[in-house]
């Protein structure tokens, strides 16, 4: 059974590289910059503590974007986050991270790049089932739903 599972994993990885490999290999830098997170943020599957970060946005196909984030002293990162350009969004010309805050959790939802005239969206992992059940019990006991708050963090773009 184990050889079949290993073969299936190998086939899945090979398919992924065949699909995305060419576009990743030809990735071009769309923007580079700095960001100062004033709070802990979940970006993709990474949890980033408050602090100053550098970022590099690479174009890898029509709508695929690869964002690399790291601290200046390389204590954290590089963290690689995959995003997709939102074709329906119209950025307002600013360069900023848009985060959704619910209680103590802040999740990066989009990166607006006014310099590139695009908005990149990111997915966030779903909360674990136990977390969802605990929240539901807490909300039921309170009789209210939590409201998401939008946080905007400026991004300083240093080049394209």
C-alpha atoms as a PDB file:
ATOM      1  CA  UNK A   1       0.000   0.000   0.000  1.00  0.00           C
ATOM      2  CA  UNK A   2       2.862   2.347   0.815  1.00  0.00           C
ATOM      3  CA  UNK A   3       4.476   2.064  -2.671  1.00  0.00           C
ATOM      4  CA  UNK A   4       1.125   2.977  -4.271  1.00  0.00           C
ATOM      5  CA  UNK A   5       0.795   6.039  -2.011  1.00  0.00           C
ATOM      6  CA  UNK A   6       4.381   7.088  -2.819  1.00  0.00           C
ATOM      7  CA  UNK A   7       3.713   6.646  -6.537  1.00  0.00           C
ATOM      8  CA  UNK A   8       0.505   8.700  -6.294  1.00  0.00           C
ATOM      9  CA  UNK A   9       2.383  11.471  -4.441  1.00  0.00           C
ATOM     10  CA  UNK A  10       5.148  11.439  -7.049  1.00  0.00           C
ATOM     11  CA  UNK A  11       2.570  11.657  -9.855  1.00  0.00           C
ATOM     12  CA  UNK A  12       0.826  14.605  -8.146  1.00  0.00           C
ATOM     13  CA  UNK A  13       4.111  16.478  -7.685  1.00  0.00           C
ATOM     14  CA  UNK A  14       5.135  15.794 -11.296  1.00  0.00           C
ATOM     15  CA  UNK A  15       1.772  17.088 -12.528  1.00  0.00           C
ATOM     16  CA  UNK A  16       2.142  20.238 -10.420  1.00  0.00           C
ATOM     17  CA  UNK A  17       5.625  20.942 -11.816  1.00  0.00           C
ATOM     18  CA  UNK A  18       4.441  20.272 -15.377  1.00  0.00           C
ATOM     19  CA  UNK A  19       1.541  22.680 -14.868  1.00  0.00           C
ATOM     20  CA  UNK A  20       3.291  25.498 -12.988  1.00  0.00           C
ATOM     21  CA  UNK A  21       6.973  24.850 -13.649  1.00  0.00           C
ATOM     22  CA  UNK A  22       7.261  26.757 -16.916  1.00  0.00           C
ATOM     23  CA  UNK A  23       5.475  29.833 -15.591  1.00  0.00           C
ATOM     24  CA  UNK A  24       7.477  29.820 -12.315  1.00  0.00           C
ATOM     25  CA  UNK A  25      10.730  29.460 -14.218  1.00  0.00           C
ATOM     26  CA  UNK A  26       9.907  32.523 -16.315  1.00  0.00           C
ATOM     27  CA  UNK A  27       8.715  34.629 -13.357  1.00  0.00           C
ATOM     28  CA  UNK A  28       9.413  38.356 -13.618  1.00  0.00           C
ATOM     29  CA  UNK A  29       9.584  40.806 -10.745  1.00  0.00           C
ATOM     30  CA  UNK A  30       6.446  42.964 -10.748  1.00  0.00           C
ATOM     31  CA  UNK A  31       7.274  44.951  -7.587  1.00  0.00           C
ATOM     32  CA  UNK A  32       9.625  45.074  -4.616  1.00  0.00           C
ATOM     33  CA  UNK A  33       9.094  46.932  -1.399  1.00  0.00           C
ATOM     34  CA  UNK A  34       8.856  47.128   2.361  1.00  0.00           C
ATOM     35  CA  UNK A  35       6.039  46.702   4.808  1.00  0.00           C
ATOM     36  CA  UNK A  36       5.739  47.250   8.538  1.00  0.00           C
ATOM     37  CA  UNK A  37       3.145  44.977  10.132  1.00  0.00           C
ATOM     38  CA  UNK A  38       1.793  46.595  13.315  1.00  0.00           C
ATOM     39  CA  UNK A  39       0.144  43.312  14.347  1.00  0.00           C
ATOM     40  CA  UNK A  40       0.509  39.565  13.935  1.00  0.00           C
ATOM     41  CA  UNK A  41      -0.920  38.508  10.598  1.00  0.00           C
ATOM     42  CA  UNK A  42      -1.813  35.252   8.929  1.00  0.00           C
ATOM     43  CA  UNK A  43      -0.746  35.411   5.289  1.00  0.00           C
ATOM     44  CA  UNK A  44      -1.589  32.219   3.444  1.00  0.00           C
ATOM     45  CA  UNK A  45      -0.468  29.463   5.789  1.00  0.00           C
ATOM     46  CA  UNK A  46       2.263  31.618   7.418  1.00  0.00           C
ATOM     47  CA  UNK A  47       1.842  33.477  10.703  1.00  0.00           C
ATOM     48  CA  UNK A  48       3.984  36.637  10.667  1.00  0.00           C
ATOM     49  CA  UNK A  49       4.709  38.498  13.920  1.00  0.00           C
ATOM     50  CA  UNK A  50       4.627  42.302  14.003  1.00  0.00           C
ATOM     51  CA  UNK A  51       7.714  43.860  12.426  1.00  0.00           C
ATOM     52  CA  UNK A  52       9.383  45.156   9.287  1.00  0.00           C
ATOM     53  CA  UNK A  53       9.470  42.966   6.199  1.00  0.00           C
ATOM     54  CA  UNK A  54      10.742  43.118   2.651  1.00  0.00           C
ATOM     55  CA  UNK A  55       8.622  41.746  -0.151  1.00  0.00           C
ATOM     56  CA  UNK A  56       9.115  40.722  -3.735  1.00  0.00           C
ATOM     57  CA  UNK A  57       6.145  40.185  -6.056  1.00  0.00           C
ATOM     58  CA  UNK A  58       6.780  38.049  -9.118  1.00  0.00           C
ATOM     59  CA  UNK A  59       4.490  37.558 -12.081  1.00  0.00           C
ATOM     60  CA  UNK A  60       4.255  33.907 -13.077  1.00  0.00           C
ATOM     61  CA  UNK A  61       1.657  33.802 -15.807  1.00  0.00           C
ATOM     62  CA  UNK A  62      -1.348  35.874 -16.733  1.00  0.00           C
ATOM     63  CA  UNK A  63      -2.920  36.091 -13.280  1.00  0.00           C
ATOM     64  CA  UNK A  64      -0.635  34.074 -10.981  1.00  0.00           C
ATOM     65  CA  UNK A  65       1.581  35.976  -8.555  1.00  0.00           C
ATOM     66  CA  UNK A  66       4.262  34.718  -6.178  1.00  0.00           C
ATOM     67  CA  UNK A  67       4.912  36.954  -3.170  1.00  0.00           C
ATOM     68  CA  UNK A  68       8.071  36.401  -1.128  1.00  0.00           C
ATOM     69  CA  UNK A  69       8.252  38.009   2.314  1.00  0.00           C
ATOM     70  CA  UNK A  70      11.218  38.091   4.703  1.00  0.00           C
ATOM     71  CA  UNK A  71      12.751  40.155   7.497  1.00  0.00           C
ATOM     72  CA  UNK A  72      15.849  42.226   6.800  1.00  0.00           C
ATOM     73  CA  UNK A  73      18.009  40.028   9.057  1.00  0.00           C
ATOM     74  CA  UNK A  74      16.508  36.892   7.438  1.00  0.00           C
ATOM     75  CA  UNK A  75      15.268  35.788  10.863  1.00  0.00           C
ATOM     76  CA  UNK A  76      11.938  35.059   9.187  1.00  0.00           C
ATOM     77  CA  UNK A  77      11.588  33.887   5.629  1.00  0.00           C
ATOM     78  CA  UNK A  78      11.595  33.976   2.841  1.00  0.00           C
ATOM     79  CA  UNK A  79       7.960  32.946   3.107  1.00  0.00           C
ATOM     80  CA  UNK A  80       6.359  32.212  -0.263  1.00  0.00           C
ATOM     81  CA  UNK A  81       2.680  33.039  -0.723  1.00  0.00           C
ATOM     82  CA  UNK A  82       0.729  32.320  -3.903  1.00  0.00           C
ATOM     83  CA  UNK A  83      -1.881  34.811  -5.055  1.00  0.00           C
ATOM     84  CA  UNK A  84      -4.110  35.529  -8.024  1.00  0.00           C
ATOM     85  CA  UNK A  85      -4.808  38.869  -9.680  1.00  0.00           C
ATOM     86  CA  UNK A  86      -8.439  39.839  -9.146  1.00  0.00           C
ATOM     87  CA  UNK A  87      -9.593  40.763 -12.657  1.00  0.00           C
ATOM     88  CA  UNK A  88     -12.733  42.466 -11.282  1.00  0.00           C
ATOM     89  CA  UNK A  89     -10.974  44.713  -8.761  1.00  0.00           C
ATOM     90  CA  UNK A  90      -9.939  48.231  -9.606  1.00  0.00           C
ATOM     91  CA  UNK A  91      -7.109  49.354  -7.324  1.00  0.00           C
ATOM     92  CA  UNK A  92      -7.304  52.942  -6.136  1.00  0.00           C
ATOM     93  CA  UNK A  93      -3.665  53.669  -6.982  1.00  0.00           C
ATOM     94  CA  UNK A  94      -2.330  52.934  -3.517  1.00  0.00           C
ATOM     95  CA  UNK A  95       0.085  50.220  -2.446  1.00  0.00           C
ATOM     96  CA  UNK A  96      -1.333  48.467   0.608  1.00  0.00           C
ATOM     97  CA  UNK A  97      -2.143  45.190   2.327  1.00  0.00           C
ATOM     98  CA  UNK A  98      -5.816  44.776   3.138  1.00  0.00           C
ATOM     99  CA  UNK A  99      -6.404  42.558   6.170  1.00  0.00           C
ATOM    100  CA  UNK A 100      -9.548  41.291   7.851  1.00  0.00           C
ATOM    101  CA  UNK A 101      -9.476  41.238  11.643  1.00  0.00           C
ATOM    102  CA  UNK A 102     -11.746  39.049  13.696  1.00  0.00           C
ATOM    103  CA  UNK A 103     -11.011  39.253  17.380  1.00  0.00           C
ATOM    104  CA  UNK A 104      -7.263  38.711  17.719  1.00  0.00           C
ATOM    105  CA  UNK A 105      -6.711  37.144  14.278  1.00  0.00           C
ATOM    106  CA  UNK A 106      -5.721  39.316  11.330  1.00  0.00           C
ATOM    107  CA  UNK A 107      -5.726  37.641   7.902  1.00  0.00           C
ATOM    108  CA  UNK A 108      -4.161  39.181   4.778  1.00  0.00           C
ATOM    109  CA  UNK A 109      -6.819  39.096   2.050  1.00  0.00           C
ATOM    110  CA  UNK A 110      -5.389  41.315  -0.714  1.00  0.00           C
ATOM    111  CA  UNK A 111      -2.298  43.219  -1.778  1.00  0.00           C
ATOM    112  CA  UNK A 112      -3.111  46.340  -3.756  1.00  0.00           C
ATOM    113  CA  UNK A 113      -0.311  47.353  -6.099  1.00  0.00           C
ATOM    114  CA  UNK A 114      -1.158  50.744  -7.559  1.00  0.00           C
ATOM    115  CA  UNK A 115       2.231  50.791  -9.292  1.00  0.00           C
ATOM    116  CA  UNK A 116       1.241  47.683 -11.281  1.00  0.00           C
ATOM    117  CA  UNK A 117      -2.475  48.570 -11.443  1.00  0.00           C
ATOM    118  CA  UNK A 118      -3.528  45.255  -9.924  1.00  0.00           C
ATOM    119  CA  UNK A 119      -5.026  43.725  -6.804  1.00  0.00           C
ATOM    120  CA  UNK A 120      -3.720  40.320  -5.729  1.00  0.00           C
ATOM    121  CA  UNK A 121      -6.004  38.121  -3.650  1.00  0.00           C
ATOM    122  CA  UNK A 122      -4.891  35.396  -1.255  1.00  0.00           C
ATOM    123  CA  UNK A 123      -6.709  32.432   0.191  1.00  0.00           C
ATOM    124  CA  UNK A 124      -6.584  31.693   3.871  1.00  0.00           C
ATOM    125  CA  UNK A 125      -6.761  28.272   5.468  1.00  0.00           C
ATOM    126  CA  UNK A 126     -10.092  27.413   6.986  1.00  0.00           C
ATOM    127  CA  UNK A 127     -10.175  27.360  10.774  1.00  0.00           C
ATOM    128  CA  UNK A 128      -9.819  23.935  12.320  1.00  0.00           C
ATOM    129  CA  UNK A 129     -13.142  22.242  13.128  1.00  0.00           C
ATOM    130  CA  UNK A 130     -12.517  22.497  16.896  1.00  0.00           C
ATOM    131  CA  UNK A 131     -11.904  26.266  16.558  1.00  0.00           C
ATOM    132  CA  UNK A 132     -15.141  26.705  14.582  1.00  0.00           C
ATOM    133  CA  UNK A 133     -17.158  24.743  17.143  1.00  0.00           C
ATOM    134  CA  UNK A 134     -15.665  26.708  20.053  1.00  0.00           C
ATOM    135  CA  UNK A 135     -16.465  30.009  18.313  1.00  0.00           C
ATOM    136  CA  UNK A 136     -20.004  28.871  17.555  1.00  0.00           C
ATOM    137  CA  UNK A 137     -20.576  27.950  21.219  1.00  0.00           C
ATOM    138  CA  UNK A 138     -19.123  31.268  22.380  1.00  0.00           C
ATOM    139  CA  UNK A 139     -21.230  33.275  19.891  1.00  0.00           C
ATOM    140  CA  UNK A 140     -24.344  31.329  20.809  1.00  0.00           C
ATOM    141  CA  UNK A 141     -23.729  32.051  24.494  1.00  0.00           C
ATOM    142  CA  UNK A 142     -23.257  35.771  23.740  1.00  0.00           C
ATOM    143  CA  UNK A 143     -26.168  35.841  21.307  1.00  0.00           C
ATOM    144  CA  UNK A 144     -24.201  37.861  18.754  1.00  0.00           C
ATOM    145  CA  UNK A 145     -21.944  37.398  15.768  1.00  0.00           C
ATOM    146  CA  UNK A 146     -18.442  38.828  15.536  1.00  0.00           C
ATOM    147  CA  UNK A 147     -17.957  41.583  12.979  1.00  0.00           C
ATOM    148  CA  UNK A 148     -14.866  41.629  10.794  1.00  0.00           C
ATOM    149  CA  UNK A 149     -12.819  44.825  10.820  1.00  0.00           C
ATOM    150  CA  UNK A 150     -10.733  45.904   7.839  1.00  0.00           C
ATOM    151  CA  UNK A 151      -7.121  46.892   8.511  1.00  0.00           C
ATOM    152  CA  UNK A 152      -5.034  48.663   5.843  1.00  0.00           C
ATOM    153  CA  UNK A 153      -1.234  48.506   6.022  1.00  0.00           C
ATOM    154  CA  UNK A 154       0.746  50.769   3.651  1.00  0.00           C
ATOM    155  CA  UNK A 155       3.381  49.143   1.449  1.00  0.00           C
ATOM    156  CA  UNK A 156       6.410  51.164   0.315  1.00  0.00           C
ATOM    157  CA  UNK A 157       7.358  50.134  -3.221  1.00  0.00           C
ATOM    158  CA  UNK A 158      11.033  50.561  -4.028  1.00  0.00           C
ATOM    159  CA  UNK A 159      11.125  49.431  -7.631  1.00  0.00           C
ATOM    160  CA  UNK A 160       9.542  47.518 -10.436  1.00  0.00           C
END
